[in-house]
Amino acid sequence: MRLLLTLYILCCSMIATAGPGPFGFQIDKSQYDEIKARHSLTHMKDLDVADVTYSAYSVETKDFTFDGLHNGTLYFEKNSGVLKCVLLNLDVARYPDIEDILGKKYRSIDKTNTPLNDKYAVYEKSGTIIKIDAPVLSSLMRLIYINKDIYTILNSNDTERTKKSEEEAAQL
């Protein structure tokens, strides 16, 4: 009886410490071969970010029973095959309920929700950033689960581009 109780507690603690990720995909844990065995993946392109190459694959979404899901892209570190990012495109009408679900599960980092602008919310858990982003004039929104280090690099690149654009605009 004690053995069963010990095994039960061990299994529950492993599940409780599992990293975030949609549809059972776990950032920094799931492997390409493991996901490829369960889902149809199509290679799209390779990307270089800070001297690391990532392979992008579209995932067949007909396997998922999730209202409003249009498509998904998975990014794996090319050398290790470890999942680093999941990008999902969903109907923008799902924004309020998905934002509510994420807000209950993860720690909020940033959020904006004004009626006339883009809406977004950023959450964090266990080294993973979860971002929901709904552009104001779009019928689709993005739900992104991404490794925190990669998110930081990409965010700093965006900040540098914005700063350069502002400097150029000031010259005109």
N, C-alpha and C. Protein backbone atom coordinates (compact mmCIF):
# COMPACT_ATOMS: atom_id res chain seq x y z
N MET A 1 0.82 -1.19 0.00
CA MET A 1 0.00 0.00 0.00
C MET A 1 0.86 1.26 0.00
N ARG A 2 1.93 1.25 0.81
CA ARG A 2 2.83 2.41 0.84
C ARG A 2 3.50 2.61 -0.51
N LEU A 3 3.84 1.53 -1.16
CA LEU A 3 4.48 1.62 -2.48
C LEU A 3 3.55 2.29 -3.48
N LEU A 4 2.28 1.90 -3.46
CA LEU A 4 1.31 2.51 -4.36
C LEU A 4 1.14 4.00 -4.06
N LEU A 5 1.07 4.33 -2.78
CA LEU A 5 0.94 5.72 -2.38
C LEU A 5 2.16 6.52 -2.80
N THR A 6 3.35 5.96 -2.63
CA THR A 6 4.59 6.63 -3.04
C THR A 6 4.61 6.85 -4.55
N LEU A 7 4.24 5.84 -5.31
CA LEU A 7 4.20 5.97 -6.77
C LEU A 7 3.18 7.02 -7.20
N TYR A 8 2.04 7.04 -6.55
CA TYR A 8 1.01 8.02 -6.86
C TYR A 8 1.52 9.44 -6.60
N ILE A 9 2.14 9.67 -5.47
CA ILE A 9 2.67 10.99 -5.12
C ILE A 9 3.76 11.40 -6.10
N LEU A 10 4.63 10.46 -6.47
CA LEU A 10 5.70 10.74 -7.42
C LEU A 10 5.13 11.14 -8.78
N CYS A 11 4.14 10.40 -9.26
CA CYS A 11 3.52 10.72 -10.55
C CYS A 11 2.83 12.07 -10.51
N CYS A 12 2.11 12.36 -9.44
CA CYS A 12 1.43 13.64 -9.32
C CYS A 12 2.42 14.79 -9.29
N SER A 13 3.54 14.63 -8.61
CA SER A 13 4.53 15.71 -8.55
C SER A 13 5.18 15.92 -9.90
N MET A 14 5.37 14.85 -10.68
CA MET A 14 5.94 15.00 -12.02
C MET A 14 4.97 15.76 -12.92
N ILE A 15 3.69 15.47 -12.82
CA ILE A 15 2.69 16.16 -13.62
C ILE A 15 2.60 17.62 -13.20
N ALA A 16 2.66 17.88 -11.91
CA ALA A 16 2.54 19.24 -11.41
C ALA A 16 3.72 20.11 -11.83
N THR A 17 4.91 19.52 -12.04
CA THR A 17 6.07 20.30 -12.42
C THR A 17 6.28 20.34 -13.92
N ALA A 18 5.39 19.72 -14.68
CA ALA A 18 5.51 19.75 -16.13
C ALA A 18 5.41 21.19 -16.61
N GLY A 19 6.22 21.53 -17.61
CA GLY A 19 6.22 22.87 -18.16
C GLY A 19 4.96 23.14 -18.97
N PRO A 20 4.68 24.41 -19.20
CA PRO A 20 3.49 24.76 -19.96
C PRO A 20 3.62 24.41 -21.43
N GLY A 21 2.50 24.20 -22.06
CA GLY A 21 2.46 23.94 -23.49
C GLY A 21 1.10 23.45 -23.89
N PRO A 22 0.66 23.82 -25.09
CA PRO A 22 -0.66 23.40 -25.54
C PRO A 22 -0.66 21.99 -26.11
N PHE A 23 -1.77 21.30 -26.00
CA PHE A 23 -1.99 19.99 -26.61
C PHE A 23 -0.92 18.96 -26.21
N GLY A 24 -0.35 19.12 -25.03
CA GLY A 24 0.65 18.17 -24.56
C GLY A 24 2.05 18.43 -25.09
N PHE A 25 2.24 19.47 -25.91
CA PHE A 25 3.58 19.85 -26.36
C PHE A 25 4.22 20.66 -25.24
N GLN A 26 5.41 20.27 -24.81
CA GLN A 26 6.06 21.00 -23.73
C GLN A 26 7.33 21.68 -24.24
N ILE A 27 7.38 22.99 -24.02
CA ILE A 27 8.54 23.77 -24.42
C ILE A 27 9.76 23.28 -23.62
N ASP A 28 10.87 23.11 -24.31
CA ASP A 28 12.16 22.65 -23.76
C ASP A 28 12.15 21.20 -23.29
N LYS A 29 11.08 20.44 -23.56
CA LYS A 29 11.02 19.04 -23.16
C LYS A 29 10.62 18.12 -24.30
N SER A 30 9.57 18.49 -25.03
CA SER A 30 9.10 17.64 -26.12
C SER A 30 10.15 17.55 -27.22
N GLN A 31 10.26 16.38 -27.82
CA GLN A 31 11.24 16.12 -28.88
C GLN A 31 10.55 15.99 -30.23
N TYR A 32 11.27 16.35 -31.28
CA TYR A 32 10.75 16.26 -32.64
C TYR A 32 10.25 14.85 -32.93
N ASP A 33 11.06 13.82 -32.67
CA ASP A 33 10.69 12.44 -33.00
C ASP A 33 9.42 12.00 -32.27
N GLU A 34 9.29 12.42 -31.03
CA GLU A 34 8.11 12.09 -30.22
C GLU A 34 6.85 12.71 -30.82
N ILE A 35 6.92 13.96 -31.22
CA ILE A 35 5.76 14.65 -31.79
C ILE A 35 5.47 14.13 -33.20
N LYS A 36 6.51 13.89 -33.99
CA LYS A 36 6.35 13.39 -35.36
C LYS A 36 5.65 12.03 -35.36
N ALA A 37 5.87 11.23 -34.33
CA ALA A 37 5.23 9.91 -34.24
C ALA A 37 3.72 10.02 -34.01
N ARG A 38 3.26 11.13 -33.43
CA ARG A 38 1.84 11.31 -33.12
C ARG A 38 1.10 12.24 -34.07
N HIS A 39 1.82 13.12 -34.75
CA HIS A 39 1.17 14.15 -35.57
C HIS A 39 1.86 14.29 -36.92
N SER A 40 1.10 14.75 -37.89
CA SER A 40 1.65 15.01 -39.22
C SER A 40 2.33 16.38 -39.23
N LEU A 41 3.64 16.39 -39.49
CA LEU A 41 4.41 17.63 -39.53
C LEU A 41 4.95 17.86 -40.94
N THR A 42 4.95 19.11 -41.38
CA THR A 42 5.50 19.47 -42.68
C THR A 42 6.55 20.55 -42.48
N HIS A 43 7.78 20.28 -42.94
CA HIS A 43 8.87 21.25 -42.79
C HIS A 43 8.56 22.50 -43.61
N MET A 44 8.73 23.66 -42.99
CA MET A 44 8.46 24.94 -43.66
C MET A 44 9.75 25.67 -44.00
N LYS A 45 10.60 25.89 -42.99
CA LYS A 45 11.83 26.64 -43.19
C LYS A 45 12.73 26.49 -41.98
N ASP A 46 13.98 26.93 -42.13
CA ASP A 46 14.92 27.01 -41.03
C ASP A 46 15.20 28.47 -40.73
N LEU A 47 15.36 28.80 -39.45
CA LEU A 47 15.62 30.18 -39.01
C LEU A 47 16.87 30.19 -38.15
N ASP A 48 17.67 31.25 -38.27
CA ASP A 48 18.83 31.43 -37.41
C ASP A 48 18.53 32.56 -36.44
N VAL A 49 18.67 32.25 -35.16
CA VAL A 49 18.47 33.25 -34.10
C VAL A 49 19.64 33.12 -33.14
N ALA A 50 20.45 34.18 -33.05
CA ALA A 50 21.59 34.21 -32.13
C ALA A 50 22.47 32.96 -32.27
N ASP A 51 22.88 32.66 -33.48
CA ASP A 51 23.80 31.56 -33.79
C ASP A 51 23.23 30.17 -33.54
N VAL A 52 21.92 30.05 -33.44
CA VAL A 52 21.28 28.74 -33.29
C VAL A 52 20.25 28.61 -34.42
N THR A 53 20.19 27.42 -35.02
CA THR A 53 19.24 27.20 -36.10
C THR A 53 18.02 26.47 -35.57
N TYR A 54 16.85 26.96 -35.96
CA TYR A 54 15.58 26.37 -35.58
C TYR A 54 14.85 25.94 -36.84
N SER A 55 14.20 24.79 -36.77
CA SER A 55 13.41 24.28 -37.90
C SER A 55 11.94 24.47 -37.58
N ALA A 56 11.23 25.09 -38.53
CA ALA A 56 9.80 25.35 -38.36
C ALA A 56 9.00 24.30 -39.12
N TYR A 57 7.99 23.74 -38.45
CA TYR A 57 7.12 22.73 -39.04
C TYR A 57 5.67 23.12 -38.82
N SER A 58 4.86 23.00 -39.85
CA SER A 58 3.43 23.16 -39.65
C SER A 58 2.90 21.83 -39.11
N VAL A 59 1.94 21.91 -38.22
CA VAL A 59 1.35 20.71 -37.63
C VAL A 59 -0.09 20.61 -38.10
N GLU A 60 -0.49 19.42 -38.49
CA GLU A 60 -1.87 19.19 -38.95
C GLU A 60 -2.81 19.37 -37.76
N THR A 61 -3.74 20.32 -37.88
CA THR A 61 -4.59 20.67 -36.74
C THR A 61 -5.90 19.88 -36.70
N LYS A 62 -6.16 19.05 -37.69
CA LYS A 62 -7.42 18.30 -37.67
C LYS A 62 -7.46 17.28 -36.52
N ASP A 63 -6.28 16.96 -35.95
CA ASP A 63 -6.22 16.03 -34.82
C ASP A 63 -6.71 16.66 -33.52
N PHE A 64 -6.80 17.99 -33.48
CA PHE A 64 -7.13 18.69 -32.25
C PHE A 64 -8.58 19.16 -32.29
N THR A 65 -9.29 18.88 -31.23
CA THR A 65 -10.68 19.32 -31.13
C THR A 65 -10.71 20.60 -30.31
N PHE A 66 -10.36 21.70 -30.96
CA PHE A 66 -10.28 22.99 -30.29
C PHE A 66 -10.94 24.01 -31.19
N ASP A 67 -12.09 24.54 -30.76
CA ASP A 67 -12.86 25.49 -31.57
C ASP A 67 -12.02 26.71 -31.93
N GLY A 68 -12.06 27.07 -33.19
CA GLY A 68 -11.40 28.29 -33.64
C GLY A 68 -9.94 28.13 -34.02
N LEU A 69 -9.37 26.94 -33.90
CA LEU A 69 -7.97 26.72 -34.24
C LEU A 69 -7.83 26.62 -35.76
N HIS A 70 -7.00 27.50 -36.34
CA HIS A 70 -6.80 27.51 -37.79
C HIS A 70 -5.55 26.74 -38.20
N ASN A 71 -4.43 27.04 -37.57
CA ASN A 71 -3.19 26.35 -37.90
C ASN A 71 -2.18 26.48 -36.78
N GLY A 72 -1.15 25.68 -36.86
CA GLY A 72 -0.11 25.70 -35.85
C GLY A 72 1.25 25.49 -36.47
N THR A 73 2.25 26.11 -35.84
CA THR A 73 3.64 25.95 -36.27
C THR A 73 4.47 25.61 -35.05
N LEU A 74 5.33 24.61 -35.20
CA LEU A 74 6.22 24.19 -34.12
C LEU A 74 7.65 24.50 -34.54
N TYR A 75 8.42 25.04 -33.60
CA TYR A 75 9.83 25.37 -33.85
C TYR A 75 10.70 24.50 -32.95
N PHE A 76 11.59 23.74 -33.60
CA PHE A 76 12.51 22.86 -32.89
C PHE A 76 13.93 23.36 -33.07
N GLU A 77 14.74 23.24 -32.01
CA GLU A 77 16.17 23.50 -32.18
C GLU A 77 16.69 22.41 -33.10
N LYS A 78 17.35 22.81 -34.18
CA LYS A 78 17.70 21.86 -35.23
C LYS A 78 18.64 20.76 -34.75
N ASN A 79 19.66 21.12 -33.98
CA ASN A 79 20.64 20.11 -33.55
C ASN A 79 20.10 19.12 -32.54
N SER A 80 19.34 19.61 -31.56
CA SER A 80 18.87 18.74 -30.48
C SER A 80 17.49 18.14 -30.73
N GLY A 81 16.70 18.79 -31.59
CA GLY A 81 15.33 18.33 -31.83
C GLY A 81 14.35 18.68 -30.72
N VAL A 82 14.76 19.59 -29.82
CA VAL A 82 13.92 19.99 -28.69
C VAL A 82 12.96 21.10 -29.13
N LEU A 83 11.70 20.98 -28.71
CA LEU A 83 10.69 21.99 -29.02
C LEU A 83 10.98 23.28 -28.27
N LYS A 84 11.03 24.40 -29.01
CA LYS A 84 11.33 25.69 -28.40
C LYS A 84 10.19 26.70 -28.50
N CYS A 85 9.26 26.47 -29.45
CA CYS A 85 8.18 27.43 -29.64
C CYS A 85 6.99 26.75 -30.31
N VAL A 86 5.79 27.12 -29.87
CA VAL A 86 4.54 26.70 -30.51
C VAL A 86 3.78 27.98 -30.84
N LEU A 87 3.40 28.12 -32.10
CA LEU A 87 2.64 29.27 -32.56
C LEU A 87 1.31 28.77 -33.11
N LEU A 88 0.21 29.25 -32.53
CA LEU A 88 -1.13 28.84 -32.96
C LEU A 88 -1.89 30.06 -33.45
N ASN A 89 -2.62 29.91 -34.53
CA ASN A 89 -3.52 30.96 -35.03
C ASN A 89 -4.95 30.52 -34.77
N LEU A 90 -5.71 31.38 -34.09
CA LEU A 90 -7.08 31.07 -33.70
C LEU A 90 -8.01 32.22 -34.08
N ASP A 91 -9.31 31.93 -34.06
CA ASP A 91 -10.30 32.99 -34.27
C ASP A 91 -10.15 34.03 -33.17
N VAL A 92 -10.17 35.30 -33.56
CA VAL A 92 -10.01 36.38 -32.60
C VAL A 92 -11.15 36.40 -31.57
N ALA A 93 -12.29 35.85 -31.92
CA ALA A 93 -13.43 35.80 -30.99
C ALA A 93 -13.11 34.97 -29.75
N ARG A 94 -12.10 34.12 -29.81
CA ARG A 94 -11.72 33.29 -28.66
C ARG A 94 -10.84 34.03 -27.66
N TYR A 95 -10.43 35.25 -27.99
CA TYR A 95 -9.51 35.99 -27.12
C TYR A 95 -9.97 36.08 -25.67
N PRO A 96 -11.20 36.52 -25.38
CA PRO A 96 -11.59 36.69 -23.97
C PRO A 96 -11.52 35.40 -23.16
N ASP A 97 -12.00 34.28 -23.70
CA ASP A 97 -11.98 33.06 -22.89
C ASP A 97 -10.58 32.47 -22.77
N ILE A 98 -9.77 32.58 -23.81
CA ILE A 98 -8.40 32.07 -23.71
C ILE A 98 -7.58 32.93 -22.77
N GLU A 99 -7.77 34.24 -22.83
CA GLU A 99 -7.07 35.13 -21.90
C GLU A 99 -7.46 34.80 -20.45
N ASP A 100 -8.73 34.53 -20.23
CA ASP A 100 -9.20 34.18 -18.88
C ASP A 100 -8.55 32.88 -18.39
N ILE A 101 -8.50 31.87 -19.27
CA ILE A 101 -7.88 30.58 -18.91
C ILE A 101 -6.41 30.76 -18.58
N LEU A 102 -5.68 31.48 -19.45
CA LEU A 102 -4.25 31.69 -19.23
C LEU A 102 -4.00 32.48 -17.95
N GLY A 103 -4.85 33.48 -17.68
CA GLY A 103 -4.71 34.29 -16.48
C GLY A 103 -4.87 33.50 -15.20
N LYS A 104 -5.64 32.42 -15.26
CA LYS A 104 -5.83 31.57 -14.07
C LYS A 104 -4.69 30.56 -13.90
N LYS A 105 -3.99 30.24 -14.99
CA LYS A 105 -2.94 29.21 -14.94
C LYS A 105 -1.53 29.76 -14.76
N TYR A 106 -1.27 30.97 -15.28
CA TYR A 106 0.09 31.49 -15.34
C TYR A 106 0.20 32.87 -14.73
N ARG A 107 1.44 33.25 -14.39
CA ARG A 107 1.72 34.57 -13.81
C ARG A 107 1.74 35.61 -14.93
N SER A 108 0.95 36.67 -14.76
CA SER A 108 0.86 37.74 -15.76
C SER A 108 2.10 38.64 -15.69
N ILE A 109 2.64 38.97 -16.87
CA ILE A 109 3.80 39.87 -16.96
C ILE A 109 3.39 41.22 -17.54
N ASP A 110 2.56 41.19 -18.58
CA ASP A 110 2.18 42.42 -19.28
C ASP A 110 0.81 42.20 -19.92
N LYS A 111 0.08 43.30 -20.10
CA LYS A 111 -1.26 43.16 -20.66
C LYS A 111 -1.76 44.51 -21.15
N THR A 112 -2.45 44.50 -22.29
CA THR A 112 -3.18 45.67 -22.74
C THR A 112 -4.46 45.19 -23.38
N ASN A 113 -5.53 45.90 -23.12
CA ASN A 113 -6.83 45.46 -23.61
C ASN A 113 -7.73 46.67 -23.83
N THR A 114 -7.33 47.53 -24.77
CA THR A 114 -8.14 48.70 -25.07
C THR A 114 -8.96 48.43 -26.32
N PRO A 115 -10.17 48.94 -26.40
CA PRO A 115 -11.06 48.60 -27.51
C PRO A 115 -10.56 49.03 -28.90
N LEU A 116 -9.78 50.09 -29.00
CA LEU A 116 -9.38 50.60 -30.30
C LEU A 116 -7.96 50.20 -30.71
N ASN A 117 -7.28 49.41 -29.92
CA ASN A 117 -5.90 49.01 -30.23
C ASN A 117 -5.77 47.50 -30.22
N ASP A 118 -4.58 47.05 -30.58
CA ASP A 118 -4.29 45.63 -30.48
C ASP A 118 -4.41 45.20 -29.02
N LYS A 119 -4.84 43.97 -28.82
CA LYS A 119 -4.93 43.40 -27.48
C LYS A 119 -3.82 42.37 -27.36
N TYR A 120 -3.19 42.33 -26.21
CA TYR A 120 -2.23 41.27 -25.96
C TYR A 120 -2.08 41.06 -24.46
N ALA A 121 -1.63 39.88 -24.12
CA ALA A 121 -1.31 39.55 -22.73
C ALA A 121 -0.11 38.62 -22.75
N VAL A 122 0.78 38.79 -21.78
CA VAL A 122 1.99 37.98 -21.70
C VAL A 122 2.04 37.35 -20.32
N TYR A 123 2.32 36.05 -20.30
CA TYR A 123 2.38 35.28 -19.06
C TYR A 123 3.70 34.51 -19.03
N GLU A 124 4.05 34.02 -17.83
CA GLU A 124 5.29 33.25 -17.70
C GLU A 124 5.10 32.10 -16.72
N LYS A 125 5.76 30.98 -17.04
CA LYS A 125 5.84 29.86 -16.11
C LYS A 125 7.00 28.96 -16.52
N SER A 126 7.83 28.61 -15.57
CA SER A 126 8.89 27.62 -15.75
C SER A 126 9.77 27.87 -16.97
N GLY A 127 10.20 29.13 -17.17
CA GLY A 127 11.09 29.44 -18.28
C GLY A 127 10.41 29.51 -19.63
N THR A 128 9.07 29.54 -19.63
CA THR A 128 8.30 29.65 -20.87
C THR A 128 7.46 30.92 -20.82
N ILE A 129 7.47 31.64 -21.93
CA ILE A 129 6.62 32.82 -22.09
C ILE A 129 5.40 32.38 -22.90
N ILE A 130 4.23 32.80 -22.46
CA ILE A 130 2.99 32.52 -23.17
C ILE A 130 2.41 33.88 -23.54
N LYS A 131 2.21 34.10 -24.84
CA LYS A 131 1.70 35.40 -25.29
C LYS A 131 0.48 35.19 -26.17
N ILE A 132 -0.55 35.95 -25.88
CA ILE A 132 -1.75 35.97 -26.71
C ILE A 132 -1.82 37.36 -27.31
N ASP A 133 -1.99 37.42 -28.63
CA ASP A 133 -1.87 38.67 -29.36
C ASP A 133 -2.98 38.76 -30.39
N ALA A 134 -3.83 39.79 -30.27
CA ALA A 134 -4.97 39.96 -31.18
C ALA A 134 -4.90 41.33 -31.84
N PRO A 135 -4.37 41.41 -33.07
CA PRO A 135 -4.35 42.69 -33.79
C PRO A 135 -5.78 43.19 -34.02
N VAL A 136 -5.97 44.48 -33.92
CA VAL A 136 -7.30 45.08 -33.94
C VAL A 136 -8.08 44.83 -35.23
N LEU A 137 -7.45 44.82 -36.37
CA LEU A 137 -8.17 44.65 -37.63
C LEU A 137 -8.05 43.25 -38.21
N SER A 138 -7.73 42.29 -37.40
CA SER A 138 -7.54 40.93 -37.88
C SER A 138 -8.65 40.01 -37.38
N SER A 139 -8.96 39.00 -38.16
CA SER A 139 -9.93 37.99 -37.72
C SER A 139 -9.24 36.85 -36.98
N LEU A 140 -7.89 36.88 -36.97
CA LEU A 140 -7.11 35.85 -36.29
C LEU A 140 -6.28 36.46 -35.16
N MET A 141 -6.02 35.64 -34.16
CA MET A 141 -5.10 36.02 -33.09
C MET A 141 -4.03 34.95 -33.00
N ARG A 142 -2.92 35.31 -32.37
CA ARG A 142 -1.82 34.37 -32.18
C ARG A 142 -1.71 33.99 -30.70
N LEU A 143 -1.48 32.72 -30.48
CA LEU A 143 -1.17 32.21 -29.15
C LEU A 143 0.20 31.56 -29.26
N ILE A 144 1.16 32.09 -28.50
CA ILE A 144 2.54 31.66 -28.63
C ILE A 144 3.05 31.14 -27.29
N TYR A 145 3.63 29.96 -27.33
CA TYR A 145 4.38 29.41 -26.19
C TYR A 145 5.82 29.36 -26.65
N ILE A 146 6.73 30.05 -25.94
CA ILE A 146 8.10 30.16 -26.41
C ILE A 146 9.09 30.14 -25.25
N ASN A 147 10.25 29.56 -25.49
CA ASN A 147 11.34 29.55 -24.52
C ASN A 147 11.67 31.00 -24.15
N LYS A 148 11.82 31.29 -22.87
CA LYS A 148 12.02 32.66 -22.39
C LYS A 148 13.27 33.31 -22.97
N ASP A 149 14.37 32.57 -23.09
CA ASP A 149 15.61 33.14 -23.62
C ASP A 149 15.43 33.57 -25.07
N ILE A 150 14.77 32.76 -25.87
CA ILE A 150 14.53 33.10 -27.27
C ILE A 150 13.60 34.30 -27.36
N TYR A 151 12.58 34.33 -26.53
CA TYR A 151 11.64 35.47 -26.50
C TYR A 151 12.39 36.76 -26.20
N THR A 152 13.30 36.72 -25.24
CA THR A 152 14.07 37.90 -24.86
C THR A 152 14.92 38.38 -26.04
N ILE A 153 15.56 37.46 -26.74
CA ILE A 153 16.38 37.83 -27.90
C ILE A 153 15.52 38.47 -28.98
N LEU A 154 14.40 37.82 -29.30
CA LEU A 154 13.51 38.35 -30.35
C LEU A 154 12.93 39.70 -29.96
N ASN A 155 12.59 39.85 -28.69
CA ASN A 155 12.03 41.12 -28.20
C ASN A 155 13.06 42.24 -28.29
N SER A 156 14.33 41.95 -27.96
CA SER A 156 15.37 42.98 -28.04
C SER A 156 15.62 43.36 -29.49
N ASN A 157 15.54 42.40 -30.42
CA ASN A 157 15.68 42.71 -31.85
C ASN A 157 14.56 43.65 -32.30
N ASP A 158 13.33 43.39 -31.84
CA ASP A 158 12.19 44.26 -32.18
C ASP A 158 12.39 45.66 -31.62
N THR A 159 12.91 45.76 -30.41
CA THR A 159 13.16 47.05 -29.77
C THR A 159 14.20 47.84 -30.56
N GLU A 160 15.25 47.16 -31.01
CA GLU A 160 16.29 47.82 -31.81
C GLU A 160 15.72 48.33 -33.14
N ARG A 161 14.88 47.53 -33.80
CA ARG A 161 14.26 47.95 -35.06
C ARG A 161 13.35 49.15 -34.85
N THR A 162 12.58 49.15 -33.77
CA THR A 162 11.69 50.26 -33.46
C THR A 162 12.49 51.53 -33.21
N LYS A 163 13.56 51.42 -32.44
CA LYS A 163 14.41 52.56 -32.13
C LYS A 163 15.01 53.14 -33.42
N LYS A 164 15.50 52.27 -34.30
CA LYS A 164 16.08 52.72 -35.56
C LYS A 164 15.04 53.43 -36.42
N SER A 165 13.83 52.88 -36.48
CA SER A 165 12.75 53.51 -37.26
C SER A 165 12.41 54.89 -36.70
N GLU A 166 12.37 55.00 -35.38
CA GLU A 166 12.08 56.28 -34.75
C GLU A 166 13.18 57.31 -35.05
N GLU A 167 14.45 56.87 -35.02
CA GLU A 167 15.56 57.76 -35.33
C GLU A 167 15.50 58.23 -36.77
N GLU A 168 15.17 57.32 -37.68
CA GLU A 168 15.05 57.69 -39.09
C GLU A 168 13.88 58.64 -39.31
N ALA A 169 12.76 58.39 -38.64
CA ALA A 169 11.59 59.26 -38.78
C ALA A 169 11.89 60.67 -38.26
N ALA A 170 12.70 60.77 -37.21
CA ALA A 170 13.04 62.07 -36.65
C ALA A 170 13.89 62.89 -37.61
N GLN A 171 14.58 62.23 -38.52
CA GLN A 171 15.44 62.93 -39.49
C GLN A 171 14.63 63.51 -40.65
N LEU A 172 13.42 63.07 -40.82
CA LEU A 172 12.59 63.54 -41.95
C LEU A 172 11.79 64.77 -41.62
